[in-house]
């Protein structure tokens, strides 16, 4: 490559002014890298963007690095073989274990959605009333495109290479990389690049935050920080305008469980397989130990969530101190007597016949597809149902509508009145809120002079940019897709 370019150029290919589609191209004097290759999620229009690969020469990439196994950061990795990339996919050990399952499941889901569309059985949901919510939730007339096949997923899986946390690794000519624990989900990392300058001066450093977890994480080990402030920080801002209400989530959950048990109600909880499911399992495990559940069955209706939960016990060094000690004593912190894991559709459908109080945790976390949508369809018009939301819901999808007062919905063609109780457990999030994000930046060794805010809606980025400037950050960028940031 030409020595005429800046020491580092970072081109933004997604998650700029939005919260999905993370993808960043890094160009140095002698190397090209890709940091994350995530799917766009939400509306049909957003999902259609996934078929349009970034305008870059994939064959010339030296390496692809992945922060963690959430679809919005890794979901398009299966496209790499068809795009001409044949090199390594570098990530942490837990993420390396998860990625093959994530990619294989995604390939299967893409085929299933095509079949469902042809058969007229594709899942659909929208709000019918009140009127101010109806325009926000469109009907999906087309399935997402086929992005890659099982064969492509398997090829990528064979190229995955796991690297340890906090150890520098040469990954290309003049470029070292290392992974720093991000306390978001198991295996999630920030990625630090150290790039040699053409003039032989001090190396340039760029830090990609990935998704940052809460500073006080009850399940995962604390964050790790670099020894020096980066020359450029590419930072997520998902909750840049939010400050979580300081509540005791455990006590709130126990109150909901006790009330539901007394009323013989079932609790339906939309969860994501990686992250939210494990946080909820930890809370229910404590409730079991302290005698709150009293035999109340808790069904985890997600094979992926079940497998992801096993990773937490296999990697105790990545867990919070007390939880780590439990694991080292041979106790799985996410298992308890009342837990029933459902690994197939047949097992999922078996709980439809349960008429006594219970808890059903199922995906998708946005309540717009997957087994949770079937559970909601069967029970949303019954007062004996509670739907428990535990995190952010994308605007335009069913979960967001229910949280904002939907009174009548259509699910898979059935029009239903909302008679279920809608509960929200505030503060359950794998993402840091605005105060935690500021704390994370503030614990860098020295002032970070240049920060580019990504992975956040427009209002979140604006609010957090103001907060950063208020504490002395010299330059805050709000890039859009296609923008290039440089380090001289």
Protein backbone atom coordinates (compact mmCIF):
# COMPACT_ATOMS: atom_id res chain seq x y z
CA UNK A 1 0.00 0.00 0.00
CA UNK A 2 1.01 3.56 -0.56
CA UNK A 3 2.91 5.40 2.17
CA UNK A 4 0.96 8.51 1.21
CA UNK A 5 -2.05 7.62 3.37
CA UNK A 6 -2.51 8.48 7.03
CA UNK A 7 -1.15 6.05 9.59
CA UNK A 8 -4.69 4.73 10.14
CA UNK A 9 -7.94 5.29 8.29
CA UNK A 10 -11.22 3.99 9.72
CA UNK A 11 -14.17 3.91 7.33
CA UNK A 12 -17.63 3.47 8.84
CA UNK A 13 -19.86 0.92 7.06
CA UNK A 14 -22.72 0.64 9.60
CA UNK A 15 -24.09 1.44 13.06
CA UNK A 16 -23.70 5.19 12.61
CA UNK A 17 -26.79 7.01 13.85
CA UNK A 18 -28.40 3.58 14.41
CA UNK A 19 -27.93 0.61 16.75
CA UNK A 20 -27.35 -2.29 14.35
CA UNK A 21 -25.02 -3.19 11.48
CA UNK A 22 -21.65 -2.59 13.16
CA UNK A 23 -18.85 -2.70 10.58
CA UNK A 24 -15.60 -0.73 10.36
CA UNK A 25 -12.85 -0.96 7.74
CA UNK A 26 -9.33 -0.14 8.95
CA UNK A 27 -6.58 0.76 6.48
CA UNK A 28 -2.93 1.17 7.49
CA UNK A 29 0.25 1.57 5.44
CA UNK A 30 0.55 -2.19 4.94
CA UNK A 31 -2.73 -3.80 5.98
CA UNK A 32 -6.50 -3.74 5.68
CA UNK A 33 -8.75 -5.03 8.48
CA UNK A 34 -12.47 -5.37 9.18
CA UNK A 35 -13.81 -4.86 12.69
CA UNK A 36 -17.18 -6.62 13.00
CA UNK A 37 -19.55 -7.49 10.17
CA UNK A 38 -23.00 -7.20 11.73
CA UNK A 39 -26.54 -7.42 10.45
CA UNK A 40 -28.95 -4.52 10.25
CA UNK A 41 -32.08 -5.34 12.24
CA UNK A 42 -35.57 -3.94 12.70
CA UNK A 43 -37.83 -3.08 9.79
CA UNK A 44 -37.99 -4.94 6.48
CA UNK A 45 -36.15 -2.00 4.93
CA UNK A 46 -33.34 -2.30 7.44
CA UNK A 47 -33.00 -6.04 6.90
CA UNK A 48 -32.92 -5.55 3.11
CA UNK A 49 -29.71 -3.52 3.57
CA UNK A 50 -27.89 -6.68 4.66
CA UNK A 51 -27.64 -7.97 1.08
CA UNK A 52 -25.60 -4.92 0.07
CA UNK A 53 -22.04 -5.66 1.11
CA UNK A 54 -19.77 -2.71 1.99
CA UNK A 55 -17.89 -1.25 -0.94
CA UNK A 56 -14.43 -2.63 -0.17
CA UNK A 57 -12.03 -5.23 -1.58
CA UNK A 58 -12.63 -8.21 0.71
CA UNK A 59 -9.92 -10.25 -1.02
CA UNK A 60 -7.28 -7.78 0.19
CA UNK A 61 -8.30 -7.87 3.86
CA UNK A 62 -5.50 -9.09 6.15
CA UNK A 63 -7.86 -10.12 8.97
CA UNK A 64 -11.41 -9.81 10.30
CA UNK A 65 -11.84 -9.16 14.03
CA UNK A 66 -15.10 -9.67 15.95
CA UNK A 67 -16.02 -7.99 19.24
CA UNK A 68 -18.73 -10.47 20.26
CA UNK A 69 -21.39 -12.91 19.08
CA UNK A 70 -24.45 -10.68 18.86
CA UNK A 71 -26.03 -10.70 15.40
CA UNK A 72 -25.67 -6.94 14.94
CA UNK A 73 -21.89 -7.38 15.24
CA UNK A 74 -21.27 -10.77 13.60
CA UNK A 75 -24.38 -11.70 11.60
CA UNK A 76 -22.92 -11.17 8.11
CA UNK A 77 -19.69 -13.10 8.63
CA UNK A 78 -21.20 -15.95 6.62
CA UNK A 79 -21.04 -13.72 3.52
CA UNK A 80 -17.24 -13.55 3.62
CA UNK A 81 -16.46 -16.60 1.41
CA UNK A 82 -18.71 -15.39 -1.41
CA UNK A 83 -17.14 -11.93 -1.14
CA UNK A 84 -13.68 -13.39 -1.66
CA UNK A 85 -12.25 -13.28 1.87
CA UNK A 86 -10.22 -16.36 2.83
CA UNK A 87 -8.28 -15.14 5.87
CA UNK A 88 -8.69 -15.59 9.62
CA UNK A 89 -11.58 -14.44 11.79
CA UNK A 90 -10.08 -13.38 15.12
CA UNK A 91 -12.02 -13.16 18.38
CA UNK A 92 -12.01 -14.29 22.02
CA UNK A 93 -12.34 -17.91 23.09
CA UNK A 94 -16.00 -17.80 24.25
CA UNK A 95 -17.02 -15.91 21.11
CA UNK A 96 -15.11 -18.43 19.00
CA UNK A 97 -17.20 -21.17 20.60
CA UNK A 98 -20.44 -19.32 19.95
CA UNK A 99 -19.91 -18.07 16.41
CA UNK A 100 -20.27 -21.41 14.57
CA UNK A 101 -23.66 -21.98 16.25
CA UNK A 102 -24.77 -18.42 15.58
CA UNK A 103 -23.85 -18.61 11.89
CA UNK A 104 -25.34 -22.07 11.38
CA UNK A 105 -28.56 -21.04 13.10
CA UNK A 106 -28.71 -17.90 10.98
CA UNK A 107 -28.29 -19.89 7.76
CA UNK A 108 -31.09 -22.21 8.87
CA UNK A 109 -33.37 -19.29 9.77
CA UNK A 110 -32.83 -17.64 6.39
CA UNK A 111 -33.97 -20.83 4.63
CA UNK A 112 -36.92 -21.27 7.00
CA UNK A 113 -38.13 -17.72 6.34
CA UNK A 114 -38.16 -18.34 2.59
CA UNK A 115 -40.15 -21.54 3.12
CA UNK A 116 -42.56 -19.77 5.46
CA UNK A 117 -43.10 -16.99 2.95
CA UNK A 118 -43.90 -19.47 0.19
CA UNK A 119 -46.27 -21.37 2.48
CA UNK A 120 -47.90 -18.20 3.82
CA UNK A 121 -46.83 -19.04 7.39
CA UNK A 122 -44.23 -16.30 7.96
CA UNK A 123 -44.56 -14.73 11.43
CA UNK A 124 -46.13 -11.28 11.46
CA UNK A 125 -47.22 -8.83 14.12
CA UNK A 126 -48.46 -5.26 14.34
CA UNK A 127 -50.39 -2.93 16.60
CA UNK A 128 -53.99 -2.17 15.61
CA UNK A 129 -54.86 0.27 18.39
CA UNK A 130 -54.47 2.94 19.63
CA UNK A 131 -54.14 4.82 16.38
CA UNK A 132 -50.92 6.69 17.20
CA UNK A 133 -49.04 3.36 17.41
CA UNK A 134 -50.45 1.70 14.32
CA UNK A 135 -48.27 3.45 11.76
CA UNK A 136 -45.10 2.62 13.66
CA UNK A 137 -45.36 -1.14 13.20
CA UNK A 138 -45.46 -2.22 9.57
CA UNK A 139 -46.39 -5.62 8.21
CA UNK A 140 -43.37 -7.39 6.76
CA UNK A 141 -44.42 -8.37 3.26
CA UNK A 142 -41.07 -9.83 2.21
CA UNK A 143 -38.67 -12.12 4.04
CA UNK A 144 -35.06 -11.02 4.48
CA UNK A 145 -32.80 -12.06 1.60
CA UNK A 146 -30.67 -15.20 1.67
CA UNK A 147 -27.24 -13.90 2.67
CA UNK A 148 -25.30 -17.15 3.00
CA UNK A 149 -25.75 -20.92 3.21
CA UNK A 150 -24.71 -23.62 5.68
CA UNK A 151 -21.69 -24.34 3.48
CA UNK A 152 -20.54 -20.74 3.78
CA UNK A 153 -21.16 -20.73 7.54
CA UNK A 154 -19.03 -23.86 7.90
CA UNK A 155 -16.19 -22.34 5.86
CA UNK A 156 -16.13 -19.25 8.07
CA UNK A 157 -16.30 -21.41 11.20
CA UNK A 158 -13.15 -23.24 10.14
CA UNK A 159 -11.31 -19.92 9.85
CA UNK A 160 -12.13 -18.72 13.38
CA UNK A 161 -9.11 -18.27 15.63
CA UNK A 162 -9.39 -17.55 19.35
CA UNK A 163 -7.03 -15.09 21.05
CA UNK A 164 -6.62 -14.52 24.82
CA UNK A 165 -7.65 -11.33 26.56
CA UNK A 166 -5.04 -8.61 27.18
CA UNK A 167 -2.27 -10.15 25.09
CA UNK A 168 -0.87 -8.41 22.04
CA UNK A 169 -0.93 -10.49 18.86
CA UNK A 170 0.64 -9.56 15.52
CA UNK A 171 -2.20 -9.85 12.99
CA UNK A 172 -0.80 -8.09 9.92
CA UNK A 173 2.34 -6.31 8.77
CA UNK A 174 2.90 -3.47 11.23
CA UNK A 175 -0.32 -4.14 13.18
CA UNK A 176 -0.80 -5.75 16.59
CA UNK A 177 -4.20 -6.31 18.21
CA UNK A 178 -5.54 -7.36 21.57
CA UNK A 179 -8.93 -7.95 23.16
CA UNK A 180 -10.02 -6.18 26.37
CA UNK A 181 -12.90 -7.49 28.48
CA UNK A 182 -16.02 -5.35 27.85
CA UNK A 183 -18.33 -6.87 30.53
CA UNK A 184 -21.23 -6.95 28.06
CA UNK A 185 -21.88 -10.65 27.39
CA UNK A 186 -19.62 -13.67 27.81
CA UNK A 187 -16.61 -13.22 25.54
CA UNK A 188 -17.45 -9.64 24.54
CA UNK A 189 -14.41 -7.44 24.00
CA UNK A 190 -13.14 -4.05 23.05
CA UNK A 191 -10.44 -4.26 20.37
CA UNK A 192 -7.24 -2.24 20.59
CA UNK A 193 -5.00 -1.84 17.53
CA UNK A 194 -1.35 -0.82 17.73
CA UNK A 195 -0.04 0.37 14.37
CA UNK A 196 3.56 1.18 13.49
CA UNK A 197 4.02 4.60 11.94
CA UNK A 198 5.82 4.90 8.62
CA UNK A 199 8.30 7.39 10.09
CA UNK A 200 9.28 5.03 12.90
CA UNK A 201 7.75 7.16 15.65
CA UNK A 202 5.60 5.95 18.52
CA UNK A 203 2.90 3.48 17.40
CA UNK A 204 -0.61 4.83 16.88
CA UNK A 205 -3.42 3.29 18.92
CA UNK A 206 -7.08 2.96 17.98
CA UNK A 207 -9.62 1.44 20.37
CA UNK A 208 -12.98 0.02 19.21
CA UNK A 209 -15.21 -0.19 22.26
CA UNK A 210 -17.60 -2.82 20.90
CA UNK A 211 -20.62 -2.93 23.22
CA UNK A 212 -19.80 -1.73 26.72
CA UNK A 213 -21.48 -3.41 29.66
CA UNK A 214 -22.49 -1.74 32.93
CA UNK A 215 -19.61 -0.77 35.20
CA UNK A 216 -21.13 -2.77 38.08
CA UNK A 217 -22.05 -6.01 36.32
CA UNK A 218 -23.55 -8.62 38.70
CA UNK A 219 -22.60 -11.50 36.40
CA UNK A 220 -19.43 -10.65 34.51
CA UNK A 221 -15.90 -9.65 35.52
CA UNK A 222 -14.94 -5.96 35.40
CA UNK A 223 -13.84 -4.14 32.28
CA UNK A 224 -10.25 -3.95 31.16
CA UNK A 225 -8.63 -0.71 29.99
CA UNK A 226 -5.51 -0.01 27.90
CA UNK A 227 -2.32 1.30 29.50
CA UNK A 228 -2.51 4.51 27.47
CA UNK A 229 -5.34 6.58 26.05
CA UNK A 230 -5.97 5.78 22.37
CA UNK A 231 -5.30 8.31 19.64
CA UNK A 232 -8.83 7.59 18.39
CA UNK A 233 -11.69 5.91 20.23
CA UNK A 234 -14.56 4.42 18.20
CA UNK A 235 -17.22 4.22 20.93
CA UNK A 236 -20.74 2.89 21.16
CA UNK A 237 -23.46 5.23 22.44
CA UNK A 238 -26.53 2.98 22.61
CA UNK A 239 -27.70 4.46 25.92
CA UNK A 240 -26.01 7.83 25.54
CA UNK A 241 -29.21 9.67 26.44
CA UNK A 242 -30.48 7.22 29.08
CA UNK A 243 -29.83 6.92 32.78
CA UNK A 244 -31.29 3.78 34.29
CA UNK A 245 -33.55 4.19 37.26
CA UNK A 246 -31.72 2.98 40.33
CA UNK A 247 -33.90 0.10 41.46
CA UNK A 248 -33.34 -3.32 42.95
CA UNK A 249 -34.22 -5.51 39.97
CA UNK A 250 -34.15 -8.61 42.12
CA UNK A 251 -36.75 -7.28 44.55
CA UNK A 252 -38.94 -6.06 41.67
CA UNK A 253 -38.73 -9.46 40.00
CA UNK A 254 -39.60 -11.20 43.26
CA UNK A 255 -42.65 -8.95 43.68
CA UNK A 256 -43.83 -9.82 40.16
CA UNK A 257 -43.26 -13.55 40.76
CA UNK A 258 -45.12 -13.52 44.07
CA UNK A 259 -48.07 -11.63 42.59
CA UNK A 260 -48.23 -13.88 39.52
CA UNK A 261 -48.09 -16.99 41.69
CA UNK A 262 -50.90 -15.72 43.90
CA UNK A 263 -53.02 -14.94 40.83
CA UNK A 264 -52.08 -18.19 39.02
CA UNK A 265 -50.64 -16.19 36.12
CA UNK A 266 -48.03 -17.20 33.57
CA UNK A 267 -45.18 -14.77 32.94
CA UNK A 268 -43.92 -14.47 29.36
CA UNK A 269 -40.47 -12.88 29.13
CA UNK A 270 -38.94 -12.06 25.72
CA UNK A 271 -35.16 -12.51 26.00
CA UNK A 272 -32.10 -12.56 23.81
CA UNK A 273 -30.26 -15.88 23.81
CA UNK A 274 -26.92 -14.31 24.66
CA UNK A 275 -26.86 -11.84 27.54
CA UNK A 276 -30.40 -11.06 28.64
CA UNK A 277 -31.30 -14.72 29.16
CA UNK A 278 -28.30 -15.30 31.43
CA UNK A 279 -28.95 -12.15 33.48
CA UNK A 280 -32.51 -13.32 34.09
CA UNK A 281 -31.35 -16.85 34.92
CA UNK A 282 -29.02 -15.45 37.56
CA UNK A 283 -31.91 -13.55 39.16
CA UNK A 284 -34.20 -16.58 39.09
CA UNK A 285 -31.42 -18.77 40.51
CA UNK A 286 -31.16 -16.41 43.49
CA UNK A 287 -34.94 -16.42 43.86
CA UNK A 288 -34.83 -20.20 43.94
CA UNK A 289 -32.10 -20.29 46.60
CA UNK A 290 -34.00 -17.82 48.76
CA UNK A 291 -37.28 -19.73 48.55
CA UNK A 292 -39.18 -17.22 46.40
CA UNK A 293 -39.97 -19.58 43.52
CA UNK A 294 -41.26 -22.41 45.74
CA UNK A 295 -41.39 -24.83 42.84
CA UNK A 296 -42.66 -22.32 40.25
CA UNK A 297 -41.47 -23.78 36.93
CA UNK A 298 -39.20 -21.56 34.82
CA UNK A 299 -38.96 -22.62 31.18
CA UNK A 300 -36.04 -21.45 29.04
CA UNK A 301 -37.41 -21.84 25.52
CA UNK A 302 -34.25 -21.30 23.47
CA UNK A 303 -31.70 -23.92 22.52
CA UNK A 304 -29.17 -21.18 21.78
CA UNK A 305 -29.70 -19.59 25.20
CA UNK A 306 -29.25 -22.97 26.87
CA UNK A 307 -25.96 -23.58 25.08
CA UNK A 308 -24.74 -20.03 25.67
CA UNK A 309 -25.47 -20.41 29.39
CA UNK A 310 -23.11 -23.38 29.56
CA UNK A 311 -20.23 -21.10 28.51
CA UNK A 312 -20.53 -19.05 31.68
CA UNK A 313 -19.66 -22.04 33.84
CA UNK A 314 -16.84 -23.07 31.48
CA UNK A 315 -15.17 -19.64 31.69
CA UNK A 316 -15.26 -18.73 35.39
CA UNK A 317 -12.35 -16.26 35.02
CA UNK A 318 -14.70 -14.01 33.02
CA UNK A 319 -17.31 -13.87 35.79
CA UNK A 320 -17.91 -11.53 38.70
CA UNK A 321 -15.85 -12.53 41.76
CA UNK A 322 -18.57 -14.15 43.87
CA UNK A 323 -20.06 -15.93 40.88
CA UNK A 324 -16.58 -17.11 39.87
CA UNK A 325 -16.07 -18.63 43.32
CA UNK A 326 -19.38 -20.51 42.99
CA UNK A 327 -18.25 -21.96 39.67
CA UNK A 328 -14.87 -23.01 41.04
CA UNK A 329 -16.69 -24.85 43.84
CA UNK A 330 -18.59 -26.79 41.16
CA UNK A 331 -21.88 -24.87 41.33
CA UNK A 332 -23.37 -23.54 38.09
CA UNK A 333 -24.69 -20.05 38.96
CA UNK A 334 -27.32 -20.21 36.20
CA UNK A 335 -28.89 -23.53 37.16
CA UNK A 336 -31.61 -24.13 39.77
CA UNK A 337 -34.17 -26.80 40.61
CA UNK A 338 -37.15 -25.09 38.95
CA UNK A 339 -35.39 -24.55 35.60
CA UNK A 340 -36.58 -26.54 32.57
CA UNK A 341 -34.65 -26.16 29.31
CA UNK A 342 -36.59 -26.56 26.06
CA UNK A 343 -34.38 -27.58 23.14
CA UNK A 344 -36.88 -28.23 20.34
CA UNK A 345 -40.13 -26.94 18.88
CA UNK A 346 -41.92 -30.00 20.22
CA UNK A 347 -40.73 -29.23 23.75
CA UNK A 348 -41.65 -25.57 23.26
CA UNK A 349 -45.20 -26.47 22.24
CA UNK A 350 -45.56 -28.79 25.22
CA UNK A 351 -45.75 -25.82 27.61
CA UNK A 352 -48.77 -24.46 25.72
CA UNK A 353 -50.82 -26.93 27.75
CA UNK A 354 -49.57 -25.61 31.10
CA UNK A 355 -52.42 -23.82 32.85
CA UNK A 356 -50.81 -23.13 36.22
CA UNK A 357 -48.47 -20.28 37.14
CA UNK A 358 -45.10 -20.45 35.42
CA UNK A 359 -42.40 -18.39 33.75
CA UNK A 360 -41.55 -18.79 30.05
CA UNK A 361 -38.43 -17.04 28.79
CA UNK A 362 -38.12 -17.23 25.02
CA UNK A 363 -36.69 -15.41 22.00
CA UNK A 364 -36.83 -13.17 20.17
CA UNK A 365 -36.01 -10.42 22.62
CA UNK A 366 -37.88 -7.92 20.45
CA UNK A 367 -41.05 -10.05 20.68
CA UNK A 368 -41.50 -10.04 16.89
CA UNK A 369 -40.58 -13.63 15.93
CA UNK A 370 -39.43 -16.92 17.38
CA UNK A 371 -41.19 -18.96 20.05
CA UNK A 372 -42.08 -15.94 22.18
CA UNK A 373 -44.41 -14.69 19.44
CA UNK A 374 -46.37 -17.97 19.54
CA UNK A 375 -46.58 -17.84 23.33
CA UNK A 376 -47.81 -14.24 23.19
CA UNK A 377 -50.36 -14.99 20.48
CA UNK A 378 -51.86 -17.80 22.56
CA UNK A 379 -52.12 -15.79 25.75
CA UNK A 380 -52.10 -12.01 25.20
CA UNK A 381 -55.90 -11.78 25.35
CA UNK A 382 -56.06 -13.52 28.74
CA UNK A 383 -55.91 -11.70 32.10
CA UNK A 384 -54.02 -14.71 33.44
CA UNK A 385 -50.98 -13.59 31.40
CA UNK A 386 -48.20 -11.17 32.24
CA UNK A 387 -45.64 -10.09 29.64
CA UNK A 388 -42.38 -9.03 31.26
CA UNK A 389 -40.03 -6.78 29.29
CA UNK A 390 -36.51 -6.39 30.59
CA UNK A 391 -34.72 -4.14 28.13
CA UNK A 392 -34.77 -1.83 25.14
CA UNK A 393 -37.33 -2.50 22.39
CA UNK A 394 -36.78 -1.35 18.82
CA UNK A 395 -39.32 1.22 17.68
CA UNK A 396 -41.59 -0.25 15.02
CA UNK A 397 -41.75 -3.75 16.48
CA UNK A 398 -44.42 -5.44 18.62
CA UNK A 399 -42.52 -5.24 21.91
CA UNK A 400 -42.17 -1.47 21.63
CA UNK A 401 -45.88 -1.16 20.88
CA UNK A 402 -46.89 -3.25 23.89
CA UNK A 403 -44.63 -1.26 26.20
CA UNK A 404 -46.21 1.95 24.95
CA UNK A 405 -49.83 1.04 25.55
CA UNK A 406 -51.06 -1.10 22.65
CA UNK A 407 -54.63 -2.27 23.32
CA UNK A 408 -55.25 -4.39 20.23
CA UNK A 409 -52.76 -6.27 18.07
CA UNK A 410 -52.59 -8.59 15.11
CA UNK A 411 -50.29 -11.62 15.41
CA UNK A 412 -49.98 -14.09 12.56
CA UNK A 413 -53.30 -12.89 11.14
CA UNK A 414 -55.24 -13.14 14.42
CA UNK A 415 -56.68 -9.91 15.84
CA UNK A 416 -56.41 -9.91 19.62
CA UNK A 417 -57.27 -7.57 22.47
CA UNK A 418 -54.43 -6.96 24.93
CA UNK A 419 -55.77 -8.16 28.25
CA UNK A 420 -52.41 -9.31 29.59
CA UNK A 421 -50.61 -7.27 32.22
CA UNK A 422 -47.53 -5.58 30.77
CA UNK A 423 -44.62 -5.42 33.22
CA UNK A 424 -41.21 -3.81 32.82
CA UNK A 425 -38.12 -4.62 34.85
CA UNK A 426 -36.09 -1.43 34.58
CA UNK A 427 -32.32 -1.38 34.35
CA UNK A 428 -31.81 -4.92 33.03
CA UNK A 429 -29.44 -4.21 30.19
CA UNK A 430 -26.17 -5.53 28.88
CA UNK A 431 -25.35 -1.98 27.79
CA UNK A 432 -23.91 0.71 30.01
CA UNK A 433 -26.12 3.75 30.55
CA UNK A 434 -24.91 7.32 30.02
CA UNK A 435 -23.29 7.58 33.46
CA UNK A 436 -21.48 4.27 33.03
CA UNK A 437 -20.30 5.27 29.56
CA UNK A 438 -18.79 8.44 31.01
CA UNK A 439 -17.18 6.41 33.79
CA UNK A 440 -15.71 3.99 31.24
CA UNK A 441 -14.11 6.86 29.28
CA UNK A 442 -13.02 8.54 32.50
CA UNK A 443 -11.04 5.47 33.60
CA UNK A 444 -8.81 5.64 30.53
CA UNK A 445 -5.18 6.38 31.50
CA UNK A 446 -5.15 9.97 30.31
CA UNK A 447 -7.56 12.11 28.35
CA UNK A 448 -9.01 10.73 25.13
CA UNK A 449 -8.78 13.66 22.74
CA UNK A 450 -10.75 12.22 19.80
CA UNK A 451 -13.87 10.10 20.11
CA UNK A 452 -16.18 8.96 17.30
CA UNK A 453 -19.62 7.97 18.56
CA UNK A 454 -21.24 5.03 16.77
CA UNK A 455 -23.87 2.37 17.51
CA UNK A 456 -26.44 4.80 18.82
CA UNK A 457 -29.58 6.53 17.62
CA UNK A 458 -29.23 10.17 16.62
CA UNK A 459 -30.61 11.58 19.87
CA UNK A 460 -28.40 9.27 21.97
CA UNK A 461 -25.27 10.33 20.14
CA UNK A 462 -26.11 14.01 20.41
CA UNK A 463 -26.77 13.78 24.14
CA UNK A 464 -23.64 11.80 24.85
CA UNK A 465 -21.50 14.08 22.67
CA UNK A 466 -22.63 17.00 24.82
CA UNK A 467 -21.79 15.04 27.97
CA UNK A 468 -18.30 14.25 26.67
CA UNK A 469 -17.61 17.84 25.72
CA UNK A 470 -18.75 18.93 29.18
CA UNK A 471 -16.01 16.80 30.77
CA UNK A 472 -13.27 18.06 28.47
CA UNK A 473 -13.12 15.84 25.40
CA UNK A 474 -11.50 17.98 22.70
CA UNK A 475 -13.09 16.45 19.61
CA UNK A 476 -16.25 14.36 19.30
CA UNK A 477 -17.23 13.03 15.87
CA UNK A 478 -20.70 11.83 14.86
CA UNK A 479 -19.86 9.90 11.67
CA UNK A 480 -22.41 8.67 9.17
CA UNK A 481 -22.09 5.59 6.98
CA UNK A 482 -19.32 6.16 4.45
CA UNK A 483 -17.32 8.63 6.58
CA UNK A 484 -13.61 8.08 7.11
CA UNK A 485 -11.72 8.96 10.30
CA UNK A 486 -7.94 9.30 10.27
CA UNK A 487 -4.99 9.11 12.64
CA UNK A 488 -1.86 10.83 11.28
